[in-house]
């Protein structure tokens, strides 16, 4: 029994001194960080895809043109207020 414990002790010390345990811990931490980045990028990708889908709708394009460039349809009334 003492021989087994001694061998396990030497194996553990070898793994610690060799840096294997530290490397495994570091890899696990990197995997967690990368997985969270993947989840965040997937979420951003879904948002961008929904914006692309909306941009293909002619009504959305018309609304954006009205909002950004102050465009109006024919026959609509335009009110202009003075700066005073």
PDB file of N, CA and C in Angstrom:
ATOM      1  N   UNK A   1       0.818  -1.185   0.000  1.00  0.00           N
ATOM      2  CA  UNK A   1       0.000   0.000   0.000  1.00  0.00           C
ATOM      3  C   UNK A   1       0.872   1.262   0.000  1.00  0.00           C
ATOM      4  N   UNK A   2       1.948   1.234   0.737  1.00  0.00           N
ATOM      5  CA  UNK A   2       2.849   2.376   0.803  1.00  0.00           C
ATOM      6  C   UNK A   2       3.518   2.615  -0.542  1.00  0.00           C
ATOM      7  N   UNK A   3       3.811   1.536  -1.253  1.00  0.00           N
ATOM      8  CA  UNK A   3       4.436   1.667  -2.571  1.00  0.00           C
ATOM      9  C   UNK A   3       3.479   2.349  -3.538  1.00  0.00           C
ATOM     10  N   UNK A   4       2.206   1.967  -3.476  1.00  0.00           N
ATOM     11  CA  UNK A   4       1.191   2.564  -4.356  1.00  0.00           C
ATOM     12  C   UNK A   4       1.047   4.061  -4.066  1.00  0.00           C
ATOM     13  N   UNK A   5       0.978   4.435  -2.807  1.00  0.00           N
ATOM     14  CA  UNK A   5       0.867   5.850  -2.442  1.00  0.00           C
ATOM     15  C   UNK A   5       2.110   6.623  -2.848  1.00  0.00           C
ATOM     16  N   UNK A   6       3.259   6.011  -2.713  1.00  0.00           N
ATOM     17  CA  UNK A   6       4.499   6.662  -3.117  1.00  0.00           C
ATOM     18  C   UNK A   6       4.518   6.885  -4.632  1.00  0.00           C
ATOM     19  N   UNK A   7       4.094   5.869  -5.372  1.00  0.00           N
ATOM     20  CA  UNK A   7       4.050   6.001  -6.839  1.00  0.00           C
ATOM     21  C   UNK A   7       3.054   7.082  -7.255  1.00  0.00           C
ATOM     22  N   UNK A   8       1.888   7.119  -6.620  1.00  0.00           N
ATOM     23  CA  UNK A   8       0.900   8.149  -6.930  1.00  0.00           C
ATOM     24  C   UNK A   8       1.427   9.534  -6.561  1.00  0.00           C
ATOM     25  N   UNK A   9       2.127   9.633  -5.460  1.00  0.00           N
ATOM     26  CA  UNK A   9       2.729  10.902  -5.058  1.00  0.00           C
ATOM     27  C   UNK A   9       3.752  11.379  -6.075  1.00  0.00           C
ATOM     28  N   UNK A  10       4.618  10.466  -6.509  1.00  0.00           N
ATOM     29  CA  UNK A  10       5.607  10.837  -7.524  1.00  0.00           C
ATOM     30  C   UNK A  10       4.943  11.234  -8.842  1.00  0.00           C
ATOM     31  N   UNK A  11       3.880  10.518  -9.221  1.00  0.00           N
ATOM     32  CA  UNK A  11       3.172  10.846 -10.462  1.00  0.00           C
ATOM     33  C   UNK A  11       2.552  12.232 -10.365  1.00  0.00           C
ATOM     34  N   UNK A  12       1.945  12.541  -9.224  1.00  0.00           N
ATOM     35  CA  UNK A  12       1.326  13.857  -9.036  1.00  0.00           C
ATOM     36  C   UNK A  12       2.383  14.964  -9.065  1.00  0.00           C
ATOM     37  N   UNK A  13       3.466  14.742  -8.367  1.00  0.00           N
ATOM     38  CA  UNK A  13       4.545  15.737  -8.336  1.00  0.00           C
ATOM     39  C   UNK A  13       5.124  15.932  -9.740  1.00  0.00           C
ATOM     40  N   UNK A  14       5.276  14.841 -10.477  1.00  0.00           N
ATOM     41  CA  UNK A  14       5.787  14.935 -11.849  1.00  0.00           C
ATOM     42  C   UNK A  14       4.840  15.757 -12.727  1.00  0.00           C
ATOM     43  N   UNK A  15       3.529  15.527 -12.592  1.00  0.00           N
ATOM     44  CA  UNK A  15       2.564  16.286 -13.392  1.00  0.00           C
ATOM     45  C   UNK A  15       2.581  17.765 -13.033  1.00  0.00           C
ATOM     46  N   UNK A  16       2.741  18.076 -11.751  1.00  0.00           N
ATOM     47  CA  UNK A  16       2.781  19.476 -11.336  1.00  0.00           C
ATOM     48  C   UNK A  16       4.066  20.138 -11.819  1.00  0.00           C
ATOM     49  N   UNK A  17       5.199  19.489 -11.613  1.00  0.00           N
ATOM     50  CA  UNK A  17       6.478  20.069 -12.009  1.00  0.00           C
ATOM     51  C   UNK A  17       6.629  20.134 -13.522  1.00  0.00           C
ATOM     52  N   UNK A  18       6.043  19.179 -14.219  1.00  0.00           N
ATOM     53  CA  UNK A  18       6.108  19.141 -15.677  1.00  0.00           C
ATOM     54  C   UNK A  18       5.251  20.258 -16.290  1.00  0.00           C
ATOM     55  N   UNK A  19       4.269  20.750 -15.556  1.00  0.00           N
ATOM     56  CA  UNK A  19       3.390  21.807 -16.058  1.00  0.00           C
ATOM     57  C   UNK A  19       2.152  21.278 -16.740  1.00  0.00           C
ATOM     58  N   UNK A  20       1.959  19.972 -16.742  1.00  0.00           N
ATOM     59  CA  UNK A  20       0.815  19.380 -17.430  1.00  0.00           C
ATOM     60  C   UNK A  20      -0.496  19.814 -16.789  1.00  0.00           C
ATOM     61  N   UNK A  21      -0.576  19.796 -15.477  1.00  0.00           N
ATOM     62  CA  UNK A  21      -1.818  20.195 -14.808  1.00  0.00           C
ATOM     63  C   UNK A  21      -2.110  21.672 -15.051  1.00  0.00           C
ATOM     64  N   UNK A  22      -1.086  22.491 -14.996  1.00  0.00           N
ATOM     65  CA  UNK A  22      -1.276  23.919 -15.261  1.00  0.00           C
ATOM     66  C   UNK A  22      -1.745  24.136 -16.697  1.00  0.00           C
ATOM     67  N   UNK A  23      -1.166  23.390 -17.619  1.00  0.00           N
ATOM     68  CA  UNK A  23      -1.551  23.499 -19.033  1.00  0.00           C
ATOM     69  C   UNK A  23      -2.999  23.045 -19.237  1.00  0.00           C
ATOM     70  N   UNK A  24      -3.416  21.973 -18.577  1.00  0.00           N
ATOM     71  CA  UNK A  24      -4.800  21.504 -18.685  1.00  0.00           C
ATOM     72  C   UNK A  24      -5.768  22.547 -18.132  1.00  0.00           C
ATOM     73  N   UNK A  25      -5.415  23.139 -17.010  1.00  0.00           N
ATOM     74  CA  UNK A  25      -6.265  24.168 -16.422  1.00  0.00           C
ATOM     75  C   UNK A  25      -6.361  25.375 -17.355  1.00  0.00           C
ATOM     76  N   UNK A  26      -5.247  25.751 -17.948  1.00  0.00           N
ATOM     77  CA  UNK A  26      -5.224  26.875 -18.873  1.00  0.00           C
ATOM     78  C   UNK A  26      -6.065  26.584 -20.116  1.00  0.00           C
ATOM     79  N   UNK A  27      -5.982  25.386 -20.627  1.00  0.00           N
ATOM     80  CA  UNK A  27      -6.775  25.003 -21.803  1.00  0.00           C
ATOM     81  C   UNK A  27      -8.265  25.016 -21.485  1.00  0.00           C
ATOM     82  N   UNK A  28      -8.623  24.554 -20.307  1.00  0.00           N
ATOM     83  CA  UNK A  28     -10.035  24.557 -19.901  1.00  0.00           C
ATOM     84  C   UNK A  28     -10.551  25.990 -19.794  1.00  0.00           C
ATOM     85  N   UNK A  29      -9.754  26.880 -19.216  1.00  0.00           N
ATOM     86  CA  UNK A  29     -10.140  28.282 -19.103  1.00  0.00           C
ATOM     87  C   UNK A  29     -10.293  28.908 -20.491  1.00  0.00           C
ATOM     88  N   UNK A  30      -9.378  28.602 -21.409  1.00  0.00           N
ATOM     89  CA  UNK A  30      -9.467  29.116 -22.779  1.00  0.00           C
ATOM     90  C   UNK A  30     -10.716  28.594 -23.482  1.00  0.00           C
ATOM     91  N   UNK A  31     -11.028  27.323 -23.261  1.00  0.00           N
ATOM     92  CA  UNK A  31     -12.217  26.739 -23.885  1.00  0.00           C
ATOM     93  C   UNK A  31     -13.476  27.458 -23.408  1.00  0.00           C
ATOM     94  N   UNK A  32     -13.553  27.760 -22.135  1.00  0.00           N
ATOM     95  CA  UNK A  32     -14.710  28.469 -21.594  1.00  0.00           C
ATOM     96  C   UNK A  32     -14.825  29.865 -22.193  1.00  0.00           C
ATOM     97  N   UNK A  33     -13.712  30.564 -22.298  1.00  0.00           N
ATOM     98  CA  UNK A  33     -13.708  31.913 -22.865  1.00  0.00           C
ATOM     99  C   UNK A  33     -14.113  31.883 -24.334  1.00  0.00           C
ATOM    100  N   UNK A  34     -13.575  30.952 -25.080  1.00  0.00           N
ATOM    101  CA  UNK A  34     -13.884  30.853 -26.509  1.00  0.00           C
ATOM    102  C   UNK A  34     -15.345  30.475 -26.719  1.00  0.00           C
ATOM    103  N   UNK A  35     -15.870  29.600 -25.881  1.00  0.00           N
ATOM    104  CA  UNK A  35     -17.276  29.206 -26.006  1.00  0.00           C
ATOM    105  C   UNK A  35     -18.192  30.402 -25.754  1.00  0.00           C
ATOM    106  N   UNK A  36     -17.848  31.252 -24.789  1.00  0.00           N
ATOM    107  CA  UNK A  36     -18.675  32.430 -24.536  1.00  0.00           C
ATOM    108  C   UNK A  36     -18.590  33.405 -25.716  1.00  0.00           C
ATOM    109  N   UNK A  37     -17.419  33.512 -26.346  1.00  0.00           N
ATOM    110  CA  UNK A  37     -17.289  34.358 -27.532  1.00  0.00           C
ATOM    111  C   UNK A  37     -18.125  33.806 -28.682  1.00  0.00           C
ATOM    112  N   UNK A  38     -18.132  32.489 -28.838  1.00  0.00           N
ATOM    113  CA  UNK A  38     -18.937  31.868 -29.896  1.00  0.00           C
ATOM    114  C   UNK A  38     -20.408  32.165 -29.674  1.00  0.00           C
ATOM    115  N   UNK A  39     -20.883  32.042 -28.432  1.00  0.00           N
ATOM    116  CA  UNK A  39     -22.284  32.317 -28.128  1.00  0.00           C
ATOM    117  C   UNK A  39     -22.634  33.775 -28.417  1.00  0.00           C
ATOM    118  N   UNK A  40     -21.733  34.684 -28.066  1.00  0.00           N
ATOM    119  CA  UNK A  40     -21.973  36.101 -28.319  1.00  0.00           C
ATOM    120  C   UNK A  40     -22.017  36.382 -29.819  1.00  0.00           C
ATOM    121  N   UNK A  41     -21.117  35.781 -30.582  1.00  0.00           N
ATOM    122  CA  UNK A  41     -21.090  35.998 -32.031  1.00  0.00           C
ATOM    123  C   UNK A  41     -22.316  35.395 -32.705  1.00  0.00           C
ATOM    124  N   UNK A  42     -22.785  34.270 -32.206  1.00  0.00           N
ATOM    125  CA  UNK A  42     -24.027  33.686 -32.753  1.00  0.00           C
ATOM    126  C   UNK A  42     -25.201  34.627 -32.527  1.00  0.00           C
ATOM    127  N   UNK A  43     -25.261  35.217 -31.352  1.00  0.00           N
ATOM    128  CA  UNK A  43     -26.332  36.165 -31.045  1.00  0.00           C
ATOM    129  C   UNK A  43     -26.254  37.371 -31.974  1.00  0.00           C
ATOM    130  N   UNK A  44     -25.057  37.908 -32.173  1.00  0.00           N
ATOM    131  CA  UNK A  44     -24.890  39.045 -33.086  1.00  0.00           C
ATOM    132  C   UNK A  44     -25.253  38.655 -34.509  1.00  0.00           C
ATOM    133  N   UNK A  45     -24.924  37.442 -34.897  1.00  0.00           N
ATOM    134  CA  UNK A  45     -25.236  36.968 -36.244  1.00  0.00           C
ATOM    135  C   UNK A  45     -26.749  36.892 -36.451  1.00  0.00           C
ATOM    136  N   UNK A  46     -27.469  36.451 -35.430  1.00  0.00           N
ATOM    137  CA  UNK A  46     -28.928  36.379 -35.540  1.00  0.00           C
ATOM    138  C   UNK A  46     -29.533  37.774 -35.685  1.00  0.00           C
ATOM    139  N   UNK A  47     -29.001  38.736 -34.928  1.00  0.00           N
ATOM    140  CA  UNK A  47     -29.495  40.111 -35.026  1.00  0.00           C
ATOM    141  C   UNK A  47     -29.227  40.657 -36.425  1.00  0.00           C
ATOM    142  N   UNK A  48     -28.027  40.440 -36.943  1.00  0.00           N
ATOM    143  CA  UNK A  48     -27.685  40.925 -38.278  1.00  0.00           C
ATOM    144  C   UNK A  48     -28.531  40.254 -39.354  1.00  0.00           C
ATOM    145  N   UNK A  49     -28.805  38.969 -39.182  1.00  0.00           N
ATOM    146  CA  UNK A  49     -29.636  38.262 -40.165  1.00  0.00           C
ATOM    147  C   UNK A  49     -31.056  38.821 -40.169  1.00  0.00           C
ATOM    148  N   UNK A  50     -31.583  39.148 -38.995  1.00  0.00           N
ATOM    149  CA  UNK A  50     -32.927  39.732 -38.954  1.00  0.00           C
ATOM    150  C   UNK A  50     -32.937  41.117 -39.601  1.00  0.00           C
ATOM    151  N   UNK A  51     -31.850  41.878 -39.439  1.00  0.00           N
ATOM    152  CA  UNK A  51     -31.764  43.182 -40.102  1.00  0.00           C
ATOM    153  C   UNK A  51     -31.684  43.021 -41.613  1.00  0.00           C
ATOM    154  N   UNK A  52     -30.966  42.011 -42.075  1.00  0.00           N
ATOM    155  CA  UNK A  52     -30.889  41.744 -43.520  1.00  0.00           C
ATOM    156  C   UNK A  52     -32.257  41.365 -44.054  1.00  0.00           C
ATOM    157  N   UNK A  53     -32.970  40.519 -43.317  1.00  0.00           N
ATOM    158  CA  UNK A  53     -34.314  40.112 -43.753  1.00  0.00           C
ATOM    159  C   UNK A  53     -35.245  41.313 -43.832  1.00  0.00           C
ATOM    160  N   UNK A  54     -35.155  42.221 -42.849  1.00  0.00           N
ATOM    161  CA  UNK A  54     -35.988  43.429 -42.885  1.00  0.00           C
ATOM    162  C   UNK A  54     -35.592  44.324 -44.045  1.00  0.00           C
ATOM    163  N   UNK A  55     -34.301  44.398 -44.342  1.00  0.00           N
ATOM    164  CA  UNK A  55     -33.829  45.287 -45.410  1.00  0.00           C
ATOM    165  C   UNK A  55     -34.317  44.839 -46.787  1.00  0.00           C
ATOM    166  N   UNK A  56     -34.714  43.590 -46.915  1.00  0.00           N
ATOM    167  CA  UNK A  56     -35.225  43.107 -48.195  1.00  0.00           C
ATOM    168  C   UNK A  56     -36.686  43.499 -48.415  1.00  0.00           C
ATOM    169  N   UNK A  57     -37.344  43.992 -47.394  1.00  0.00           N
ATOM    170  CA  UNK A  57     -38.747  44.400 -47.482  1.00  0.00           C
ATOM    171  C   UNK A  57     -38.826  45.819 -48.067  1.00  0.00           C
ATOM    172  N   UNK A  58     -39.558  46.018 -49.166  1.00  0.00           N
ATOM    173  CA  UNK A  58     -39.648  47.356 -49.786  1.00  0.00           C
ATOM    174  C   UNK A  58     -40.246  48.406 -48.843  1.00  0.00           C
ATOM    175  N   UNK A  59     -41.152  48.015 -47.977  1.00  0.00           N
ATOM    176  CA  UNK A  59     -41.725  48.982 -47.031  1.00  0.00           C
ATOM    177  C   UNK A  59     -40.666  49.492 -46.058  1.00  0.00           C
ATOM    178  N   UNK A  60     -39.769  48.605 -45.642  1.00  0.00           N
ATOM    179  CA  UNK A  60     -38.686  49.014 -44.743  1.00  0.00           C
ATOM    180  C   UNK A  60     -37.748  49.988 -45.446  1.00  0.00           C
ATOM    181  N   UNK A  61     -37.428  49.692 -46.709  1.00  0.00           N
ATOM    182  CA  UNK A  61     -36.547  50.576 -47.482  1.00  0.00           C
ATOM    183  C   UNK A  61     -37.196  51.950 -47.642  1.00  0.00           C
ATOM    184  N   UNK A  62     -38.487  51.963 -47.928  1.00  0.00           N
ATOM    185  CA  UNK A  62     -39.197  53.240 -48.076  1.00  0.00           C
ATOM    186  C   UNK A  62     -39.176  54.023 -46.760  1.00  0.00           C
ATOM    187  N   UNK A  63     -39.417  53.345 -45.653  1.00  0.00           N
ATOM    188  CA  UNK A  63     -39.428  54.018 -44.354  1.00  0.00           C
ATOM    189  C   UNK A  63     -38.048  54.576 -44.009  1.00  0.00           C
ATOM    190  N   UNK A  64     -36.999  53.827 -44.313  1.00  0.00           N
ATOM    191  CA  UNK A  64     -35.647  54.311 -44.058  1.00  0.00           C
ATOM    192  C   UNK A  64     -35.328  55.529 -44.908  1.00  0.00           C
ATOM    193  N   UNK A  65     -35.750  55.520 -46.169  1.00  0.00           N
ATOM    194  CA  UNK A  65     -35.524  56.665 -47.053  1.00  0.00           C
ATOM    195  C   UNK A  65     -36.261  57.893 -46.524  1.00  0.00           C
ATOM    196  N   UNK A  66     -37.474  57.700 -46.036  1.00  0.00           N
ATOM    197  CA  UNK A  66     -38.232  58.821 -45.476  1.00  0.00           C
ATOM    198  C   UNK A  66     -37.532  59.383 -44.239  1.00  0.00           C
ATOM    199  N   UNK A  67     -37.091  58.508 -43.364  1.00  0.00           N
ATOM    200  CA  UNK A  67     -36.485  58.945 -42.103  1.00  0.00           C
ATOM    201  C   UNK A  67     -35.116  59.582 -42.311  1.00  0.00           C
ATOM    202  N   UNK A  68     -34.291  58.976 -43.119  1.00  0.00           N
ATOM    203  CA  UNK A  68     -32.907  59.443 -43.255  1.00  0.00           C
ATOM    204  C   UNK A  68     -32.751  60.642 -44.189  1.00  0.00           C
ATOM    205  N   UNK A  69     -33.548  60.657 -45.246  1.00  0.00           N
ATOM    206  CA  UNK A  69     -33.352  61.683 -46.270  1.00  0.00           C
ATOM    207  C   UNK A  69     -34.525  62.657 -46.377  1.00  0.00           C
ATOM    208  N   UNK A  70     -35.443  62.597 -45.424  1.00  0.00           N
ATOM    209  CA  UNK A  70     -36.612  63.479 -45.400  1.00  0.00           C
ATOM    210  C   UNK A  70     -37.373  63.439 -46.718  1.00  0.00           C
ATOM    211  N   UNK A  71     -37.582  62.249 -47.243  1.00  0.00           N
ATOM    212  CA  UNK A  71     -38.330  62.089 -48.480  1.00  0.00           C
ATOM    213  C   UNK A  71     -39.814  61.949 -48.170  1.00  0.00           C
ATOM    214  N   UNK A  72     -40.645  62.338 -49.127  1.00  0.00           N
ATOM    215  CA  UNK A  72     -42.102  62.240 -48.978  1.00  0.00           C
ATOM    216  C   UNK A  72     -42.682  61.630 -50.244  1.00  0.00           C
ATOM    217  N   UNK A  73     -43.870  61.088 -50.094  1.00  0.00           N
ATOM    218  CA  UNK A  73     -44.591  60.569 -51.254  1.00  0.00           C
ATOM    219  C   UNK A  73     -45.326  61.706 -51.951  1.00  0.00           C
ATOM    220  N   UNK A  74     -45.658  61.479 -53.184  1.00  0.00           N
ATOM    221  CA  UNK A  74     -46.393  62.459 -53.961  1.00  0.00           C
ATOM    222  C   UNK A  74     -47.763  62.655 -53.324  1.00  0.00           C
ATOM    223  N   UNK A  75     -48.143  63.918 -53.163  1.00  0.00           N
ATOM    224  CA  UNK A  75     -49.461  64.239 -52.597  1.00  0.00           C
ATOM    225  C   UNK A  75     -49.451  64.428 -51.083  1.00  0.00           C
ATOM    226  N   UNK A  76     -48.345  64.205 -50.420  1.00  0.00           N
ATOM    227  CA  UNK A  76     -48.280  64.397 -48.980  1.00  0.00           C
ATOM    228  C   UNK A  76     -48.021  65.874 -48.676  1.00  0.00           C
ATOM    229  N   UNK A  77     -48.556  66.340 -47.568  1.00  0.00           N
ATOM    230  CA  UNK A  77     -48.346  67.726 -47.159  1.00  0.00           C
ATOM    231  C   UNK A  77     -47.020  67.824 -46.410  1.00  0.00           C
ATOM    232  N   UNK A  78     -46.319  68.928 -46.660  1.00  0.00           N
ATOM    233  CA  UNK A  78     -45.048  69.182 -45.988  1.00  0.00           C
ATOM    234  C   UNK A  78     -45.193  70.455 -45.188  1.00  0.00           C
ATOM    235  N   UNK A  79     -44.860  70.396 -43.918  1.00  0.00           N
ATOM    236  CA  UNK A  79     -44.907  71.580 -43.059  1.00  0.00           C
ATOM    237  C   UNK A  79     -43.470  72.008 -42.804  1.00  0.00           C
ATOM    238  N   UNK A  80     -43.184  73.277 -43.038  1.00  0.00           N
ATOM    239  CA  UNK A  80     -41.854  73.826 -42.785  1.00  0.00           C
ATOM    240  C   UNK A  80     -42.010  74.897 -41.725  1.00  0.00           C
ATOM    241  N   UNK A  81     -41.290  74.746 -40.645  1.00  0.00           N
ATOM    242  CA  UNK A  81     -41.343  75.692 -39.534  1.00  0.00           C
ATOM    243  C   UNK A  81     -40.079  76.532 -39.540  1.00  0.00           C
ATOM    244  N   UNK A  82     -40.232  77.780 -39.213  1.00  0.00           N
ATOM    245  CA  UNK A  82     -39.068  78.670 -39.197  1.00  0.00           C
ATOM    246  C   UNK A  82     -38.260  78.395 -37.938  1.00  0.00           C
ATOM    247  N   UNK A  83     -36.991  78.774 -37.975  1.00  0.00           N
ATOM    248  CA  UNK A  83     -36.088  78.517 -36.859  1.00  0.00           C
ATOM    249  C   UNK A  83     -36.285  79.484 -35.707  1.00  0.00           C
ATOM    250  N   UNK A  84     -37.132  80.517 -35.842  1.00  0.00           N
ATOM    251  CA  UNK A  84     -37.287  81.515 -34.784  1.00  0.00           C
ATOM    252  C   UNK A  84     -38.092  80.996 -33.665  1.00  0.00           C
TER     253      UNK A  84
END
